[in-house]
């Protein structure tokens, strides 16, 4: 697969710290300066305390979590995914906070969750897909520890 085929992140002012860290293979989450809760995605109002001045700071997180759900993608409507079809997207609750959830590709899969024994409650850890120089996106792998 050519690294230029896949869509690349286009950071804006608000998301740039997240993507800068991802390029270094570090998963960060935005933490509200008022209540201390993590938010993903971030918005102009904190989802937890509802302040309109969350003044988010991005902090590294473990990237470990629990599978809440998944879906198998068998057809892609975006370019660059044709040679990885089918693939699994997992909905993961991160360990750092209840209901802090992230959806990303499961890199262990072979397009069939039964082949890797995927089930709700399984443990996963963050990994990164390098799409281009300085452009990486978070993904997950099964956590064997």
C-alpha atoms as a PDB file:
ATOM      1  CA  UNK A   1       0.000   0.000   0.000  1.00  0.00           C
ATOM      2  CA  UNK A   2       1.315   3.399  -0.895  1.00  0.00           C
ATOM      3  CA  UNK A   3       1.564   5.825   2.014  1.00  0.00           C
ATOM      4  CA  UNK A   4       0.095   8.607  -0.112  1.00  0.00           C
ATOM      5  CA  UNK A   5      -3.157   6.800  -0.912  1.00  0.00           C
ATOM      6  CA  UNK A   6      -4.764   6.930   2.532  1.00  0.00           C
ATOM      7  CA  UNK A   7      -6.480  10.092   3.776  1.00  0.00           C
ATOM      8  CA  UNK A   8      -4.165  12.039   6.061  1.00  0.00           C
ATOM      9  CA  UNK A   9      -5.124  13.917   9.233  1.00  0.00           C
ATOM     10  CA  UNK A  10      -5.689  17.621   8.662  1.00  0.00           C
ATOM     11  CA  UNK A  11      -5.095  19.191  12.076  1.00  0.00           C
ATOM     12  CA  UNK A  12      -6.746  22.426  13.010  1.00  0.00           C
ATOM     13  CA  UNK A  13      -5.711  24.706  15.869  1.00  0.00           C
ATOM     14  CA  UNK A  14      -7.731  22.697  18.375  1.00  0.00           C
ATOM     15  CA  UNK A  15      -6.607  19.204  17.304  1.00  0.00           C
ATOM     16  CA  UNK A  16      -2.970  19.932  16.395  1.00  0.00           C
ATOM     17  CA  UNK A  17      -1.545  18.808  19.784  1.00  0.00           C
ATOM     18  CA  UNK A  18      -3.289  15.426  19.413  1.00  0.00           C
ATOM     19  CA  UNK A  19      -1.893  14.867  15.898  1.00  0.00           C
ATOM     20  CA  UNK A  20       1.584  16.155  16.801  1.00  0.00           C
ATOM     21  CA  UNK A  21       1.749  13.588  19.618  1.00  0.00           C
ATOM     22  CA  UNK A  22       0.368  10.811  17.390  1.00  0.00           C
ATOM     23  CA  UNK A  23       3.164  11.492  14.892  1.00  0.00           C
ATOM     24  CA  UNK A  24       5.550  10.608  17.764  1.00  0.00           C
ATOM     25  CA  UNK A  25       3.490   7.494  18.626  1.00  0.00           C
ATOM     26  CA  UNK A  26       2.102   9.025  21.818  1.00  0.00           C
ATOM     27  CA  UNK A  27      -1.632   8.929  22.520  1.00  0.00           C
ATOM     28  CA  UNK A  28      -2.886  12.080  24.198  1.00  0.00           C
ATOM     29  CA  UNK A  29      -6.310  13.179  25.356  1.00  0.00           C
ATOM     30  CA  UNK A  30      -7.642  16.655  26.013  1.00  0.00           C
ATOM     31  CA  UNK A  31      -8.178  17.359  29.718  1.00  0.00           C
ATOM     32  CA  UNK A  32     -10.536  20.123  30.852  1.00  0.00           C
ATOM     33  CA  UNK A  33      -8.771  22.648  33.070  1.00  0.00           C
ATOM     34  CA  UNK A  34     -11.962  23.207  35.071  1.00  0.00           C
ATOM     35  CA  UNK A  35     -13.064  19.678  36.022  1.00  0.00           C
ATOM     36  CA  UNK A  36     -10.068  17.556  35.021  1.00  0.00           C
ATOM     37  CA  UNK A  37     -12.094  15.193  32.823  1.00  0.00           C
ATOM     38  CA  UNK A  38     -10.788  13.929  29.501  1.00  0.00           C
ATOM     39  CA  UNK A  39     -12.833  14.621  26.371  1.00  0.00           C
ATOM     40  CA  UNK A  40     -12.816  12.998  22.950  1.00  0.00           C
ATOM     41  CA  UNK A  41     -13.687  14.579  20.642  1.00  0.00           C
ATOM     42  CA  UNK A  42     -13.110  17.998  22.086  1.00  0.00           C
ATOM     43  CA  UNK A  43     -15.616  20.777  21.714  1.00  0.00           C
ATOM     44  CA  UNK A  44     -15.875  24.396  22.789  1.00  0.00           C
ATOM     45  CA  UNK A  45     -17.898  23.242  25.826  1.00  0.00           C
ATOM     46  CA  UNK A  46     -16.693  20.499  28.182  1.00  0.00           C
ATOM     47  CA  UNK A  47     -18.980  17.444  27.951  1.00  0.00           C
ATOM     48  CA  UNK A  48     -18.556  16.821  31.669  1.00  0.00           C
ATOM     49  CA  UNK A  49     -18.780  20.131  33.551  1.00  0.00           C
ATOM     50  CA  UNK A  50     -20.298  22.156  30.698  1.00  0.00           C
ATOM     51  CA  UNK A  51     -17.910  25.054  31.085  1.00  0.00           C
ATOM     52  CA  UNK A  52     -17.481  27.126  27.957  1.00  0.00           C
ATOM     53  CA  UNK A  53     -13.867  27.782  28.951  1.00  0.00           C
ATOM     54  CA  UNK A  54     -12.361  24.300  29.187  1.00  0.00           C
ATOM     55  CA  UNK A  55      -8.842  25.499  28.242  1.00  0.00           C
ATOM     56  CA  UNK A  56      -7.916  21.940  27.310  1.00  0.00           C
ATOM     57  CA  UNK A  57      -4.409  20.634  27.808  1.00  0.00           C
ATOM     58  CA  UNK A  58      -3.318  17.484  25.998  1.00  0.00           C
ATOM     59  CA  UNK A  59      -1.882  14.818  28.280  1.00  0.00           C
ATOM     60  CA  UNK A  60      -0.409  11.416  27.457  1.00  0.00           C
ATOM     61  CA  UNK A  61      -2.582   8.433  28.348  1.00  0.00           C
ATOM     62  CA  UNK A  62      -1.736   4.732  28.540  1.00  0.00           C
ATOM     63  CA  UNK A  63      -3.625   3.767  25.402  1.00  0.00           C
ATOM     64  CA  UNK A  64      -4.886   0.635  27.109  1.00  0.00           C
ATOM     65  CA  UNK A  65      -8.558  -0.173  27.219  1.00  0.00           C
ATOM     66  CA  UNK A  66     -11.430  -2.587  26.825  1.00  0.00           C
ATOM     67  CA  UNK A  67     -13.350  -3.462  23.676  1.00  0.00           C
ATOM     68  CA  UNK A  68     -16.941  -2.237  23.980  1.00  0.00           C
ATOM     69  CA  UNK A  69     -18.037  -3.108  20.450  1.00  0.00           C
ATOM     70  CA  UNK A  70     -16.730  -3.552  16.923  1.00  0.00           C
ATOM     71  CA  UNK A  71     -17.778  -3.634  13.305  1.00  0.00           C
ATOM     72  CA  UNK A  72     -16.305  -5.229  10.219  1.00  0.00           C
ATOM     73  CA  UNK A  73     -15.702  -2.861   7.306  1.00  0.00           C
ATOM     74  CA  UNK A  74     -16.105  -4.800   4.078  1.00  0.00           C
ATOM     75  CA  UNK A  75     -16.400  -1.903   1.629  1.00  0.00           C
ATOM     76  CA  UNK A  76     -14.585   1.395   1.800  1.00  0.00           C
ATOM     77  CA  UNK A  77     -15.924   4.658   0.489  1.00  0.00           C
ATOM     78  CA  UNK A  78     -12.575   6.369   1.042  1.00  0.00           C
ATOM     79  CA  UNK A  79      -9.463   5.816  -1.069  1.00  0.00           C
ATOM     80  CA  UNK A  80      -6.494   3.869   0.211  1.00  0.00           C
ATOM     81  CA  UNK A  81      -8.264   1.151   2.178  1.00  0.00           C
ATOM     82  CA  UNK A  82      -8.894  -1.307  -0.652  1.00  0.00           C
ATOM     83  CA  UNK A  83      -5.955  -3.563   0.142  1.00  0.00           C
ATOM     84  CA  UNK A  84      -6.767  -3.825   3.862  1.00  0.00           C
ATOM     85  CA  UNK A  85     -10.424  -4.836   3.349  1.00  0.00           C
ATOM     86  CA  UNK A  86     -12.069  -6.306   5.239  1.00  0.00           C
ATOM     87  CA  UNK A  87     -10.906  -4.723   8.504  1.00  0.00           C
ATOM     88  CA  UNK A  88     -12.252  -4.310  12.010  1.00  0.00           C
ATOM     89  CA  UNK A  89     -12.999  -1.023  13.751  1.00  0.00           C
ATOM     90  CA  UNK A  90     -13.104  -1.374  17.533  1.00  0.00           C
ATOM     91  CA  UNK A  91     -14.905   0.876  19.985  1.00  0.00           C
ATOM     92  CA  UNK A  92     -12.588   1.000  23.016  1.00  0.00           C
ATOM     93  CA  UNK A  93     -13.186   2.423  26.481  1.00  0.00           C
ATOM     94  CA  UNK A  94      -9.816   3.736  27.640  1.00  0.00           C
ATOM     95  CA  UNK A  95      -8.643   2.900  31.163  1.00  0.00           C
ATOM     96  CA  UNK A  96      -8.110   6.504  32.204  1.00  0.00           C
ATOM     97  CA  UNK A  97     -11.782   7.356  32.596  1.00  0.00           C
ATOM     98  CA  UNK A  98     -15.198   5.690  32.417  1.00  0.00           C
ATOM     99  CA  UNK A  99     -16.872   6.362  29.063  1.00  0.00           C
ATOM    100  CA  UNK A 100     -13.700   7.794  27.495  1.00  0.00           C
ATOM    101  CA  UNK A 101     -14.130   5.978  24.210  1.00  0.00           C
ATOM    102  CA  UNK A 102     -12.168   5.896  20.988  1.00  0.00           C
ATOM    103  CA  UNK A 103     -12.875   4.143  17.697  1.00  0.00           C
ATOM    104  CA  UNK A 104      -9.918   2.939  15.638  1.00  0.00           C
ATOM    105  CA  UNK A 105      -8.763   0.112  13.439  1.00  0.00           C
ATOM    106  CA  UNK A 106      -7.747  -3.194  15.031  1.00  0.00           C
ATOM    107  CA  UNK A 107      -4.414  -4.107  13.483  1.00  0.00           C
ATOM    108  CA  UNK A 108      -4.454  -7.771  14.625  1.00  0.00           C
ATOM    109  CA  UNK A 109      -7.507  -8.674  12.636  1.00  0.00           C
ATOM    110  CA  UNK A 110      -7.651 -10.592   9.421  1.00  0.00           C
ATOM    111  CA  UNK A 111     -11.074  -9.182   8.580  1.00  0.00           C
ATOM    112  CA  UNK A 112     -12.830 -11.819  10.649  1.00  0.00           C
ATOM    113  CA  UNK A 113     -13.141 -11.156  14.398  1.00  0.00           C
ATOM    114  CA  UNK A 114     -13.627 -14.878  15.039  1.00  0.00           C
ATOM    115  CA  UNK A 115     -10.105 -15.579  13.736  1.00  0.00           C
ATOM    116  CA  UNK A 116      -8.557 -13.541  16.538  1.00  0.00           C
ATOM    117  CA  UNK A 117     -11.228 -14.514  19.067  1.00  0.00           C
ATOM    118  CA  UNK A 118     -12.428 -10.920  19.400  1.00  0.00           C
ATOM    119  CA  UNK A 119     -15.100 -10.440  22.036  1.00  0.00           C
ATOM    120  CA  UNK A 120     -16.532  -7.657  24.157  1.00  0.00           C
ATOM    121  CA  UNK A 121     -14.364  -7.058  27.211  1.00  0.00           C
ATOM    122  CA  UNK A 122     -11.057  -7.998  25.545  1.00  0.00           C
ATOM    123  CA  UNK A 123      -8.077  -5.854  26.403  1.00  0.00           C
ATOM    124  CA  UNK A 124      -6.331  -3.781  23.740  1.00  0.00           C
ATOM    125  CA  UNK A 125      -3.390  -1.390  23.591  1.00  0.00           C
ATOM    126  CA  UNK A 126      -2.724   1.548  21.318  1.00  0.00           C
ATOM    127  CA  UNK A 127      -0.509   1.169  18.270  1.00  0.00           C
ATOM    128  CA  UNK A 128       0.050   3.591  15.426  1.00  0.00           C
ATOM    129  CA  UNK A 129      -0.230   3.396  11.665  1.00  0.00           C
ATOM    130  CA  UNK A 130       2.373   5.528   9.913  1.00  0.00           C
ATOM    131  CA  UNK A 131       0.690   6.969   6.824  1.00  0.00           C
ATOM    132  CA  UNK A 132       3.354   9.434   5.679  1.00  0.00           C
ATOM    133  CA  UNK A 133       6.399  11.117   7.219  1.00  0.00           C
ATOM    134  CA  UNK A 134       5.146  12.905  10.342  1.00  0.00           C
ATOM    135  CA  UNK A 135       1.576  11.590   9.895  1.00  0.00           C
ATOM    136  CA  UNK A 136       0.402   8.726  12.109  1.00  0.00           C
ATOM    137  CA  UNK A 137      -3.023   7.647  13.296  1.00  0.00           C
ATOM    138  CA  UNK A 138      -3.868   5.701  16.443  1.00  0.00           C
ATOM    139  CA  UNK A 139      -4.993   2.103  16.075  1.00  0.00           C
ATOM    140  CA  UNK A 140      -5.276  -0.826  18.489  1.00  0.00           C
ATOM    141  CA  UNK A 141      -3.756  -4.269  18.939  1.00  0.00           C
ATOM    142  CA  UNK A 142      -4.823  -7.068  21.256  1.00  0.00           C
ATOM    143  CA  UNK A 143      -3.136  -6.666  24.642  1.00  0.00           C
ATOM    144  CA  UNK A 144      -1.429  -9.904  25.577  1.00  0.00           C
ATOM    145  CA  UNK A 145      -0.198  -8.657  28.984  1.00  0.00           C
END
